């Protein structure tokens, strides 16, 4: 029988609030341990590791941490070092997070930054800019707000344009009789 990866999200179902909360707690704890840098592995010493996400299985027994080296570096070497340090990291995390069972840790490369870079490059490519330019009409070019267009319907409702309210607020006058005093008369004591 094939080994089931517990850290995968159930097909068609989003992670529960508990899974998200525990995953975030594990991410914080793992990041704190990695930031301290008290390792005996030379591949991890002196390197900063970014933990962008931790996904936990529904039974909270397996966790997958998505990591990337800060400032570049060899991803494969870093992943191998993290996998070697997995039992140590698991022991450190269980001390920081109050869980019934310490989840087994697996490490995967975080490709979200690469994906975001590819999407950004696509959106800024000349072909996309040209295609977006074709879809806009001459009316769409002027996106500025026009007060005359915005208040045309107000005349039909019987409202008149008035600058009195704007002037009153600029001068600090009261326009509707509302004062800045507490509701109990400003005495400061209740029931007095």
Protein backbone atom coordinates (compact mmCIF):
# COMPACT_ATOMS: atom_id res chain seq x y z
CA UNK A 1 0.00 0.00 0.00
CA UNK A 2 1.34 3.43 -0.94
CA UNK A 3 2.21 5.86 1.81
CA UNK A 4 -0.37 8.61 2.07
CA UNK A 5 0.92 12.17 2.32
CA UNK A 6 -0.98 13.61 5.27
CA UNK A 7 0.02 17.19 4.53
CA UNK A 8 -2.01 17.43 1.35
CA UNK A 9 -5.32 19.19 1.50
CA UNK A 10 -8.32 16.96 1.06
CA UNK A 11 -9.61 17.04 -2.50
CA UNK A 12 -12.16 19.79 -2.94
CA UNK A 13 -12.05 20.96 0.67
CA UNK A 14 -10.35 24.02 2.05
CA UNK A 15 -8.32 23.76 5.25
CA UNK A 16 -10.27 24.28 8.45
CA UNK A 17 -9.70 27.25 10.73
CA UNK A 18 -7.93 24.96 13.17
CA UNK A 19 -5.57 23.71 10.47
CA UNK A 20 -4.80 27.28 9.41
CA UNK A 21 -4.24 28.43 13.00
CA UNK A 22 -1.96 25.49 13.87
CA UNK A 23 -0.07 25.91 10.59
CA UNK A 24 0.57 29.56 11.37
CA UNK A 25 1.74 28.72 14.91
CA UNK A 26 4.12 26.12 13.50
CA UNK A 27 5.40 28.63 10.93
CA UNK A 28 6.19 31.16 13.65
CA UNK A 29 7.89 28.55 15.83
CA UNK A 30 9.92 27.13 12.94
CA UNK A 31 10.98 30.62 11.81
CA UNK A 32 12.11 31.45 15.36
CA UNK A 33 14.19 28.27 15.60
CA UNK A 34 15.74 28.88 12.19
CA UNK A 35 16.45 32.51 13.06
CA UNK A 36 18.38 31.51 16.18
CA UNK A 37 20.64 29.44 13.97
CA UNK A 38 21.92 27.07 16.65
CA UNK A 39 22.70 24.24 14.23
CA UNK A 40 25.72 22.04 13.82
CA UNK A 41 25.08 21.67 10.10
CA UNK A 42 27.40 23.95 8.08
CA UNK A 43 24.83 24.13 5.28
CA UNK A 44 22.39 25.88 7.62
CA UNK A 45 24.82 27.96 9.68
CA UNK A 46 24.97 31.53 8.50
CA UNK A 47 22.12 31.12 6.02
CA UNK A 48 18.76 32.76 6.43
CA UNK A 49 15.74 30.64 5.59
CA UNK A 50 12.33 32.12 4.83
CA UNK A 51 9.37 30.00 5.95
CA UNK A 52 6.47 31.33 3.91
CA UNK A 53 3.80 28.77 4.80
CA UNK A 54 3.24 25.62 6.82
CA UNK A 55 0.39 23.34 5.79
CA UNK A 56 -0.80 20.84 8.36
CA UNK A 57 -2.76 17.65 7.77
CA UNK A 58 -6.34 17.38 9.06
CA UNK A 59 -5.20 15.03 11.86
CA UNK A 60 -2.39 17.50 12.79
CA UNK A 61 0.24 14.75 12.58
CA UNK A 62 2.13 15.88 9.47
CA UNK A 63 3.24 19.34 8.38
CA UNK A 64 4.80 20.60 5.18
CA UNK A 65 6.91 23.76 5.43
CA UNK A 66 7.44 25.81 2.28
CA UNK A 67 10.87 27.42 2.51
CA UNK A 68 13.27 29.46 0.42
CA UNK A 69 16.79 30.77 1.03
CA UNK A 70 16.91 34.50 1.67
CA UNK A 71 19.27 36.26 -0.69
CA UNK A 72 19.46 33.35 -3.07
CA UNK A 73 21.43 30.22 -2.61
CA UNK A 74 21.30 26.57 -3.45
CA UNK A 75 17.75 25.40 -2.79
CA UNK A 76 18.61 21.69 -3.03
CA UNK A 77 21.47 21.99 -0.55
CA UNK A 78 19.27 23.93 1.88
CA UNK A 79 16.40 21.41 1.59
CA UNK A 80 18.78 18.51 2.22
CA UNK A 81 20.15 20.27 5.32
CA UNK A 82 16.64 21.00 6.62
CA UNK A 83 15.63 17.39 6.11
CA UNK A 84 18.70 16.25 8.06
CA UNK A 85 17.82 18.70 10.84
CA UNK A 86 14.13 17.69 10.78
CA UNK A 87 14.12 15.67 14.02
CA UNK A 88 15.95 18.46 15.87
CA UNK A 89 13.54 21.08 14.48
CA UNK A 90 10.58 18.90 15.43
CA UNK A 91 11.82 18.71 19.03
CA UNK A 92 12.33 22.48 19.20
CA UNK A 93 8.91 23.22 17.72
CA UNK A 94 7.06 20.88 20.08
CA UNK A 95 8.49 22.86 23.00
CA UNK A 96 7.17 26.12 21.52
CA UNK A 97 3.72 24.95 20.37
CA UNK A 98 1.32 23.15 22.68
CA UNK A 99 0.10 20.17 20.64
CA UNK A 100 -0.84 16.67 21.69
CA UNK A 101 1.43 15.13 19.02
CA UNK A 102 4.50 16.66 17.46
CA UNK A 103 3.86 16.71 13.70
CA UNK A 104 6.42 15.18 11.38
CA UNK A 105 8.02 17.87 9.26
CA UNK A 106 8.66 17.79 5.56
CA UNK A 107 10.21 20.62 3.59
CA UNK A 108 9.30 21.77 0.10
CA UNK A 109 10.69 24.64 -1.98
CA UNK A 110 8.53 27.75 -1.99
CA UNK A 111 7.89 28.68 -5.60
CA UNK A 112 5.36 31.43 -4.94
CA UNK A 113 7.95 34.19 -5.44
CA UNK A 114 8.98 32.71 -8.79
CA UNK A 115 5.33 32.39 -9.80
CA UNK A 116 4.63 36.02 -8.83
CA UNK A 117 7.66 37.13 -10.84
CA UNK A 118 6.43 35.26 -13.91
CA UNK A 119 2.96 36.80 -13.60
CA UNK A 120 4.49 40.27 -13.18
CA UNK A 121 6.65 39.75 -16.27
CA UNK A 122 3.62 38.64 -18.27
CA UNK A 123 1.57 41.66 -17.18
CA UNK A 124 4.38 44.04 -18.13
CA UNK A 125 5.16 42.43 -21.48
CA UNK A 126 4.62 44.60 -24.59
CA UNK A 127 2.08 42.14 -26.03
CA UNK A 128 -0.21 42.40 -22.99
CA UNK A 129 0.15 46.19 -22.87
CA UNK A 130 -0.79 46.36 -26.56
CA UNK A 131 -3.80 44.06 -26.03
CA UNK A 132 -4.99 46.08 -23.06
CA UNK A 133 -4.63 49.28 -25.10
CA UNK A 134 -6.95 47.91 -27.82
CA UNK A 135 -9.75 47.23 -25.36
CA UNK A 136 -9.99 50.82 -24.13
CA UNK A 137 -12.17 53.30 -25.97
CA UNK A 138 -11.68 57.06 -26.17
CA UNK A 139 -14.25 57.55 -23.39
CA UNK A 140 -12.26 55.31 -21.05
CA UNK A 141 -9.12 57.39 -21.47
CA UNK A 142 -10.52 60.20 -19.28
CA UNK A 143 -10.86 58.62 -15.85
CA UNK A 144 -10.97 61.94 -13.99
CA UNK A 145 -13.99 62.77 -11.84
CA UNK A 146 -16.28 65.48 -13.19
CA UNK A 147 -18.42 67.22 -10.57
CA UNK A 148 -20.90 68.47 -13.19
CA UNK A 149 -21.61 64.93 -14.40
CA UNK A 150 -21.92 63.62 -10.85
CA UNK A 151 -24.50 66.23 -9.71
CA UNK A 152 -26.71 66.31 -12.81
CA UNK A 153 -29.39 64.10 -11.24
CA UNK A 154 -29.56 66.21 -8.07
CA UNK A 155 -31.51 68.98 -9.86
CA UNK A 156 -34.23 66.49 -10.79
CA UNK A 157 -34.72 65.57 -7.12
CA UNK A 158 -35.19 69.19 -6.04
CA UNK A 159 -31.80 69.63 -4.40
CA UNK A 160 -29.94 72.85 -4.92
CA UNK A 161 -26.21 73.22 -5.00
CA UNK A 162 -25.01 74.82 -1.81
CA UNK A 163 -21.55 75.69 -0.60
CA UNK A 164 -22.82 76.78 2.85
CA UNK A 165 -22.15 73.39 4.46
CA UNK A 166 -18.60 73.23 3.12
CA UNK A 167 -17.90 76.80 4.27
CA UNK A 168 -19.32 76.10 7.74
CA UNK A 169 -17.09 73.07 8.25
CA UNK A 170 -14.05 74.99 7.09
CA UNK A 171 -14.78 77.77 9.61
CA UNK A 172 -15.53 75.30 12.42
CA UNK A 173 -19.20 76.31 12.82
CA UNK A 174 -21.93 73.93 13.90
CA UNK A 175 -24.49 73.32 11.15
CA UNK A 176 -26.95 70.89 12.73
CA UNK A 177 -26.96 71.69 16.43
CA UNK A 178 -24.81 68.70 17.41
CA UNK A 179 -22.22 69.56 20.04
CA UNK A 180 -19.09 67.78 21.17
CA UNK A 181 -20.34 67.24 24.74
CA UNK A 182 -20.92 63.84 26.34
CA UNK A 183 -24.50 62.57 26.43
CA UNK A 184 -24.75 62.80 30.23
CA UNK A 185 -24.39 66.58 30.31
CA UNK A 186 -20.63 66.72 30.54
CA UNK A 187 -20.50 66.21 34.31
CA UNK A 188 -18.27 63.19 34.08
CA UNK A 189 -20.10 61.31 36.89
CA UNK A 190 -22.96 58.95 36.32
CA UNK A 191 -26.09 59.14 38.37
CA UNK A 192 -25.16 62.47 39.98
